[in-house]
Protein backbone atom coordinates (compact mmCIF):
# COMPACT_ATOMS: atom_id res chain seq x y z
CA MET A 1 1.17 14.07 -16.31
CA ASP A 2 2.18 15.45 -12.94
CA GLU A 3 3.54 13.26 -10.15
CA ALA A 4 0.16 12.67 -8.46
CA GLU A 5 -1.40 11.66 -11.78
CA ILE A 6 1.41 9.23 -12.50
CA LEU A 7 1.05 7.64 -9.05
CA THR A 8 -2.73 7.44 -9.47
CA ASP A 9 -2.31 5.77 -12.87
CA VAL A 10 0.02 3.12 -11.41
CA SER A 11 -2.39 2.57 -8.50
CA MET A 12 -5.39 2.13 -10.79
CA ARG A 13 -3.60 -0.22 -13.20
CA SER A 14 -2.23 -2.27 -10.31
CA LYS A 15 -5.66 -2.62 -8.71
CA ARG A 16 -7.27 -3.52 -12.06
CA SER A 17 -4.68 -6.30 -12.53
CA ASN A 18 -6.51 -8.20 -9.76
CA GLY A 19 -9.34 -8.80 -12.24
CA TYR A 20 -11.74 -6.05 -11.21
CA ASP A 21 -14.28 -4.76 -13.73
CA ASP A 22 -14.93 -1.17 -14.84
CA ALA A 23 -17.75 -0.60 -12.32
CA PHE A 24 -15.59 -1.76 -9.41
CA MET A 25 -12.68 0.39 -10.57
CA GLU A 26 -14.88 3.46 -10.88
CA SER A 27 -16.11 2.87 -7.32
CA CYS A 28 -12.48 2.86 -6.13
CA ARG A 29 -11.30 5.85 -8.15
CA GLU A 30 -11.57 8.46 -5.40
CA GLU A 31 -9.94 6.23 -2.78
CA LEU A 32 -7.05 5.35 -5.13
CA THR A 33 -6.45 8.88 -6.40
CA VAL A 34 -3.16 10.30 -5.14
CA THR A 35 -3.55 14.00 -4.37
CA ALA A 36 -1.16 16.71 -3.25
CA ALA A 37 -2.88 16.64 0.15
CA ARG A 38 -2.33 12.89 0.51
CA MET A 39 1.29 13.33 -0.50
CA ARG A 40 1.72 15.87 2.32
CA GLU A 41 0.01 13.58 4.88
CA GLY A 42 2.34 10.62 4.39
CA GLU A 43 5.80 9.75 3.15
CA TYR A 44 5.75 8.30 -0.36
CA TRP A 45 8.44 6.26 -2.07
CA VAL A 46 8.50 5.19 -5.67
CA ALA A 47 10.39 2.51 -7.53
CA GLU A 48 11.53 3.55 -10.98
CA ASP A 49 12.92 1.85 -14.01
CA ASP A 50 12.34 3.80 -17.21
CA ARG A 51 9.10 4.93 -15.51
CA VAL A 52 7.43 4.70 -12.12
CA CYS A 53 6.87 1.00 -11.51
CA GLY A 54 5.67 1.01 -7.90
CA LEU A 55 4.73 3.17 -4.95
CA VAL A 56 4.07 2.98 -1.24
CA CYS A 57 3.06 5.44 1.46
CA LEU A 58 3.75 5.34 5.22
CA THR A 59 2.15 7.48 7.89
CA ALA A 60 3.33 7.50 11.49
CA GLN A 61 0.35 7.69 13.84
CA GLY A 62 1.94 8.12 17.25
CA ASP A 63 2.17 5.57 20.07
CA GLY A 64 4.69 3.67 17.96
CA ALA A 65 2.09 2.86 15.30
CA GLY A 66 2.28 3.34 11.56
CA GLU A 67 -0.07 2.75 8.66
CA VAL A 68 0.96 1.54 5.20
CA HIS A 69 -1.11 3.02 2.39
CA ALA A 70 -1.10 2.94 -1.38
CA PHE A 71 1.19 -0.05 -1.90
CA PHE A 72 0.89 -0.64 -5.64
CA ILE A 73 3.13 -2.21 -8.28
CA ASP A 74 2.69 -1.60 -12.01
CA PRO A 75 1.39 -4.85 -13.55
CA ASP A 76 4.38 -4.96 -15.93
CA TYR A 77 6.71 -5.10 -12.89
CA GLN A 78 4.81 -7.42 -10.57
CA ARG A 79 6.65 -10.52 -9.33
CA ARG A 80 10.02 -8.94 -10.16
CA GLY A 81 11.11 -7.88 -6.66
CA VAL A 82 9.80 -4.30 -6.82
CA GLY A 83 7.39 -4.82 -3.93
CA ARG A 84 10.07 -6.39 -1.75
CA ARG A 85 12.44 -3.48 -2.44
CA LEU A 86 9.75 -0.93 -1.58
CA TRP A 87 8.88 -2.91 1.55
CA ALA A 88 12.54 -2.84 2.64
CA THR A 89 12.53 0.95 2.26
CA VAL A 90 9.35 1.35 4.30
CA LEU A 91 10.60 -1.05 6.96
CA GLY A 92 13.85 0.87 7.29
CA ARG A 93 12.01 4.17 7.65
CA ALA A 94 9.54 2.73 10.17
CA GLU A 95 12.42 1.45 12.29
CA ALA A 96 14.21 4.83 12.02
CA LEU A 97 11.03 6.50 13.28
CA GLY A 98 10.92 4.06 16.20
CA LEU A 99 7.62 2.52 15.14
CA LYS A 100 6.72 -0.67 17.00
CA HIS A 101 4.10 -1.97 14.61
CA LEU A 102 2.55 -1.31 11.22
CA CYS A 103 -0.99 -1.94 10.02
CA LEU A 104 -2.71 -1.90 6.65
CA ASP A 105 -5.98 -2.74 4.99
CA SER A 106 -5.19 -5.26 2.25
CA ASP A 107 -6.86 -6.05 -1.00
CA PRO A 108 -7.66 -9.78 -0.67
CA ALA A 109 -5.45 -10.50 -3.70
CA ALA A 110 -2.47 -8.79 -2.01
CA ALA A 111 -2.77 -10.57 1.35
CA PRO A 112 -0.36 -13.39 0.37
CA PHE A 113 2.36 -10.82 -0.42
CA TYR A 114 1.87 -9.10 2.93
CA ARG A 115 1.94 -12.48 4.74
CA ALA A 116 5.26 -13.19 3.01
CA MET A 117 6.54 -9.85 4.37
CA GLY A 118 5.59 -10.93 7.92
CA PHE A 119 2.12 -9.44 8.33
CA GLU A 120 -0.69 -11.35 10.02
CA VAL A 121 -4.43 -10.91 9.57
CA ILE A 122 -5.82 -9.34 12.76
CA GLY A 123 -9.40 -8.77 11.63
CA GLU A 124 -11.49 -7.14 8.94
CA THR A 125 -12.22 -3.56 8.03
CA PRO A 126 -14.90 -2.09 5.75
CA SER A 127 -13.79 -1.03 2.28
CA GLY A 128 -13.58 2.71 1.84
CA SER A 129 -15.04 2.34 -1.66
CA ILE A 130 -17.43 -0.60 -1.87
CA ALA A 131 -20.39 -0.80 0.53
CA GLY A 132 -20.58 -4.16 2.30
CA ARG A 133 -17.11 -5.27 1.18
CA MET A 134 -14.71 -6.25 3.95
CA LEU A 135 -10.93 -6.20 3.65
CA PRO A 136 -8.31 -8.08 5.64
CA ARG A 137 -6.83 -5.86 8.38
CA MET A 138 -3.19 -6.84 8.75
CA ALA A 139 -0.39 -5.98 11.18
CA ILE A 140 3.28 -6.63 11.77
CA SER A 141 5.34 -6.07 14.92
CA LEU A 142 8.71 -4.39 14.45
CA GLY A 143 11.83 -4.46 16.55
CA PRO A 144 13.41 -7.28 18.53
CA LYS A 145 11.60 -10.60 18.37
CA ALA A 146 10.96 -12.48 21.58
């Protein structure tokens, strides 16, 4: 498998670990597929053990804003600190870029993790894969706290 296929495989297995059925997963396939173009559009980081065990993507959007995409942890590595380590990497890069805040669209099952990382729900956004499904829109402010 090439790098994009490996990242797609981790993304799909991570998403499925939230209990989604085959029909749901097939609906998400295009949105979760990591492509060479997507890898050029954002900065990706991976966590590795004997294999890729997690991934995350950050895109800077200007005006001090950034978007977190494709934050997935292999089910065999969930709840073992991989997500926190990847988050620390993204946070460090966002601060180095001078970003003032980050946003993301969360799977409902992942919202507690993002809350633990300091994100707050700021609204809802339509799923890019499932018509009528709404996802938590989350944000975090970076930099000095008041």
